Amino acid sequence: MNIDGLGEQVIDMLLKTKLIKNIVDIYRLNETEKRMKLRALP
């Protein structure tokens, strides 16, 4: 998987904030609720 800007630190943050549970969840981040949470992250 080669997604620009998606490094180890970003993955760790997404896991800690429970926006993803596994790698497949990255493709589900476009859901409205998750988009709102993503925007709030640093």
N, C-alpha and C. Protein backbone atom coordinates (compact mmCIF):
# COMPACT_ATOMS: atom_id res chain seq x y z
N MET A 1 0.85 -1.16 0.00
CA MET A 1 0.00 0.00 0.00
C MET A 1 0.90 1.23 0.00
N ASN A 2 0.64 2.13 -0.91
CA ASN A 2 1.45 3.34 -1.00
C ASN A 2 0.52 4.54 -1.12
N ILE A 3 0.18 5.11 0.04
CA ILE A 3 -0.72 6.26 0.07
C ILE A 3 0.09 7.46 0.58
N ASP A 4 0.18 8.51 -0.22
CA ASP A 4 0.94 9.70 0.16
C ASP A 4 0.45 10.26 1.49
N GLY A 5 1.38 10.53 2.39
CA GLY A 5 1.04 11.13 3.67
C GLY A 5 0.57 10.15 4.72
N LEU A 6 0.47 8.89 4.37
CA LEU A 6 -0.02 7.89 5.32
C LEU A 6 1.16 7.08 5.85
N GLY A 7 1.80 7.65 6.86
CA GLY A 7 2.96 7.01 7.45
C GLY A 7 2.61 6.31 8.75
N GLU A 8 3.64 5.81 9.37
CA GLU A 8 3.48 5.05 10.61
C GLU A 8 2.83 5.88 11.71
N GLN A 9 3.23 7.14 11.83
CA GLN A 9 2.66 7.99 12.88
C GLN A 9 1.17 8.23 12.67
N VAL A 10 0.77 8.42 11.43
CA VAL A 10 -0.65 8.65 11.13
C VAL A 10 -1.45 7.39 11.44
N ILE A 11 -0.94 6.24 11.05
CA ILE A 11 -1.61 4.97 11.35
C ILE A 11 -1.76 4.79 12.85
N ASP A 12 -0.69 5.06 13.61
CA ASP A 12 -0.75 4.95 15.07
C ASP A 12 -1.83 5.87 15.65
N MET A 13 -1.91 7.11 15.15
CA MET A 13 -2.91 8.05 15.64
C MET A 13 -4.32 7.56 15.32
N LEU A 14 -4.53 7.03 14.12
CA LEU A 14 -5.85 6.53 13.74
C LEU A 14 -6.25 5.33 14.61
N LEU A 15 -5.30 4.49 14.93
CA LEU A 15 -5.59 3.34 15.80
C LEU A 15 -5.90 3.79 17.22
N LYS A 16 -5.11 4.73 17.75
CA LYS A 16 -5.32 5.22 19.12
C LYS A 16 -6.65 5.94 19.28
N THR A 17 -7.08 6.65 18.25
CA THR A 17 -8.35 7.37 18.30
C THR A 17 -9.52 6.49 17.88
N LYS A 18 -9.21 5.24 17.57
CA LYS A 18 -10.20 4.21 17.20
C LYS A 18 -10.98 4.56 15.94
N LEU A 19 -10.35 5.34 15.06
CA LEU A 19 -10.98 5.60 13.77
C LEU A 19 -10.81 4.40 12.84
N ILE A 20 -9.77 3.61 13.10
CA ILE A 20 -9.59 2.35 12.36
C ILE A 20 -9.24 1.25 13.36
N LYS A 21 -9.60 0.02 12.99
CA LYS A 21 -9.24 -1.15 13.80
C LYS A 21 -8.29 -2.05 13.03
N ASN A 22 -8.35 -1.96 11.71
CA ASN A 22 -7.45 -2.73 10.86
C ASN A 22 -7.23 -1.96 9.56
N ILE A 23 -6.37 -2.46 8.73
CA ILE A 23 -5.96 -1.75 7.52
C ILE A 23 -7.13 -1.50 6.56
N VAL A 24 -8.10 -2.37 6.52
CA VAL A 24 -9.24 -2.22 5.63
C VAL A 24 -10.07 -0.99 6.00
N ASP A 25 -10.08 -0.64 7.28
CA ASP A 25 -10.86 0.51 7.74
C ASP A 25 -10.39 1.83 7.14
N ILE A 26 -9.17 1.88 6.64
CA ILE A 26 -8.67 3.10 6.00
C ILE A 26 -9.59 3.50 4.85
N TYR A 27 -10.12 2.53 4.15
CA TYR A 27 -10.98 2.81 3.01
C TYR A 27 -12.39 3.21 3.43
N ARG A 28 -12.70 3.10 4.71
CA ARG A 28 -14.02 3.48 5.22
C ARG A 28 -13.99 4.82 5.94
N LEU A 29 -12.87 5.52 5.89
CA LEU A 29 -12.75 6.79 6.60
C LEU A 29 -13.56 7.91 5.97
N ASN A 30 -14.18 7.66 4.87
CA ASN A 30 -14.96 8.69 4.19
C ASN A 30 -16.37 8.84 4.77
N GLU A 31 -16.76 7.96 5.68
CA GLU A 31 -18.08 8.07 6.30
C GLU A 31 -18.17 9.39 7.06
N THR A 32 -19.31 10.01 7.06
CA THR A 32 -19.50 11.35 7.62
C THR A 32 -18.99 11.47 9.05
N GLU A 33 -19.35 10.57 9.92
CA GLU A 33 -18.93 10.64 11.32
C GLU A 33 -17.41 10.58 11.44
N LYS A 34 -16.79 9.71 10.70
CA LYS A 34 -15.34 9.58 10.76
C LYS A 34 -14.64 10.77 10.13
N ARG A 35 -15.24 11.36 9.11
CA ARG A 35 -14.65 12.56 8.49
C ARG A 35 -14.60 13.70 9.49
N MET A 36 -15.65 13.86 10.28
CA MET A 36 -15.70 14.92 11.29
C MET A 36 -14.58 14.70 12.32
N LYS A 37 -14.39 13.47 12.77
CA LYS A 37 -13.34 13.16 13.73
C LYS A 37 -11.96 13.37 13.13
N LEU A 38 -11.79 13.03 11.87
CA LEU A 38 -10.51 13.24 11.19
C LEU A 38 -10.14 14.70 11.14
N ARG A 39 -11.09 15.55 10.88
CA ARG A 39 -10.82 16.99 10.79
C ARG A 39 -10.38 17.57 12.11
N ALA A 40 -10.79 16.95 13.20
CA ALA A 40 -10.44 17.44 14.53
C ALA A 40 -9.03 17.03 14.96
N LEU A 41 -8.42 16.10 14.26
CA LEU A 41 -7.08 15.64 14.60
C LEU A 41 -6.03 16.64 14.16
N PRO A 42 -4.89 16.67 14.89
CA PRO A 42 -3.81 17.60 14.50
C PRO A 42 -3.15 17.21 13.19
